[in-house]
Protein backbone atom coordinates (compact mmCIF):
# COMPACT_ATOMS: atom_id res chain seq x y z
CA MET A 1 95.80 138.58 119.98
CA LYS A 2 95.54 137.75 123.66
CA ASN A 3 98.52 137.95 125.95
CA GLU A 4 99.09 134.63 127.73
CA MET A 5 100.70 136.33 130.71
CA MET A 6 97.55 138.38 131.27
CA GLU A 7 95.46 135.20 131.32
CA SER A 8 97.74 133.31 133.71
CA THR A 9 96.78 132.79 137.32
CA SER A 10 99.03 134.05 140.08
CA GLU A 11 100.00 130.43 140.85
CA GLU A 12 101.04 129.88 137.23
CA LEU A 13 103.09 133.07 137.26
CA CYS A 14 104.80 132.13 140.54
CA ALA A 15 105.60 128.68 139.21
CA ALA A 16 107.00 130.14 135.99
CA LEU A 17 109.27 132.58 137.85
CA VAL A 18 110.55 129.90 140.21
CA GLU A 19 111.16 127.58 137.25
CA ALA A 20 113.05 130.40 135.52
CA ALA A 21 115.27 130.85 138.58
CA GLU A 22 115.94 127.11 138.70
CA ARG A 23 116.84 127.01 134.99
CA ILE A 24 119.22 129.94 135.51
CA MET A 25 120.93 128.12 138.39
CA GLU A 26 121.15 124.89 136.41
CA ARG A 27 122.25 126.26 133.06
CA TYR A 28 124.48 129.12 134.14
CA GLY A 29 125.67 127.99 137.55
CA GLU A 30 124.34 131.08 139.30
CA ASN A 31 123.68 130.95 143.01
CA LEU A 32 120.13 131.22 144.33
CA GLU A 33 120.33 134.94 145.06
CA GLU A 34 121.60 135.83 141.57
CA ALA A 35 119.16 133.52 139.82
CA CYS A 36 116.23 134.99 141.74
CA ALA A 37 117.37 138.54 140.97
CA ILE A 38 117.58 137.72 137.26
CA ALA A 39 114.15 136.03 137.34
CA GLY A 40 112.70 139.05 139.13
CA ILE A 41 111.77 137.44 142.44
CA THR A 42 113.21 137.50 145.93
CA VAL A 43 114.85 134.53 147.60
CA GLN A 44 112.04 134.65 150.16
CA ASP A 45 109.46 134.39 147.35
CA TYR A 46 111.37 131.43 145.93
CA GLU A 47 111.56 129.65 149.28
CA ASN A 48 107.91 130.36 150.06
CA TRP A 49 106.87 128.91 146.70
CA LYS A 50 109.00 125.80 147.20
CA ASP A 51 107.46 125.31 150.66
CA TYR A 52 103.99 125.76 149.15
CA GLU A 53 104.78 123.21 146.43
CA ASP A 54 106.03 120.73 149.03
CA ARG A 55 102.88 121.12 151.13
CA GLU A 56 100.67 120.71 148.07
CA ARG A 57 102.60 117.62 146.95
CA GLN A 58 102.24 116.12 150.42
CA LYS A 59 98.49 116.75 150.31
CA ARG A 60 98.22 115.12 146.88
CA MET A 61 100.27 112.15 148.04
CA GLN A 62 98.10 111.75 151.13
CA LYS A 63 95.02 111.72 148.91
CA LEU A 64 96.68 109.18 146.64
CA GLU A 65 97.58 106.92 149.54
CA ASP A 66 94.12 107.14 151.07
CA ASN A 67 92.32 106.18 147.89
CA GLU A 68 91.83 102.54 146.83
CA ALA A 69 91.30 103.68 143.24
CA THR A 70 94.80 105.14 143.32
CA LYS A 71 96.29 101.70 143.79
CA THR A 72 94.43 100.56 140.69
CA VAL A 73 95.62 103.58 138.69
CA MET A 74 99.22 103.06 139.79
CA ALA A 75 99.01 99.40 138.78
CA LYS A 76 97.67 100.46 135.37
CA ILE A 77 100.58 102.86 134.94
CA ALA A 78 102.95 100.00 135.67
CA GLN A 79 101.17 97.91 133.03
CA LEU A 80 101.48 100.72 130.50
CA LEU A 81 105.18 101.00 131.26
CA ASP A 82 105.56 97.24 130.73
CA MET A 83 103.93 97.70 127.31
CA GLY A 84 106.58 100.27 126.38
CA ILE A 85 104.55 103.43 126.96
CA THR A 86 106.69 106.28 128.28
CA LEU A 87 106.29 107.30 131.90
CA GLU A 88 105.24 110.79 130.83
CA SER A 89 102.51 109.45 128.54
CA ALA A 90 101.28 106.94 131.13
CA CYS A 91 101.08 109.64 133.80
CA GLU A 92 99.35 112.04 131.43
CA PHE A 93 96.80 109.31 130.69
CA ALA A 94 96.26 108.80 134.42
CA ARG A 95 96.12 112.57 134.97
CA ILE A 96 98.86 112.67 137.55
CA SER A 97 102.31 114.20 137.42
CA VAL A 98 105.44 112.15 136.89
CA ASP A 99 106.75 113.53 140.20
CA ASP A 100 103.61 112.31 142.01
CA TYR A 101 104.01 108.85 140.45
CA LYS A 102 107.66 108.65 141.46
CA GLU A 103 106.89 109.86 144.98
CA TYR A 104 104.07 107.31 145.30
CA GLN A 105 106.38 104.55 144.10
CA LYS A 106 109.12 105.64 146.50
CA ARG A 107 106.73 105.63 149.46
CA ASN A 108 105.17 102.30 148.59
CA THR A 109 108.26 100.29 147.74
CA LYS A 110 109.90 100.62 151.15
């Protein structure tokens, strides 16, 4: 039996630890320092990961905005939503994250 943690990439492990800290803050009302200590990371690690995620999201959004095909995909997602498909399912079909879809919508509805 293979250990999933051993097969995870460092990015997946970082994301999992940051998500654990966020769940601890949300569910138990712990402050950032306590949540990070419980999750086994430093506050600096947490902040660095969040900065990294923000930069990566901005890069993805820039690619989405620069691509004409993206406009077509986003329109198709809207059509799927109109048909009653859940946002999660529509985004999975389009192979983008729900957060990316929401960010794209926010930027393009101003």
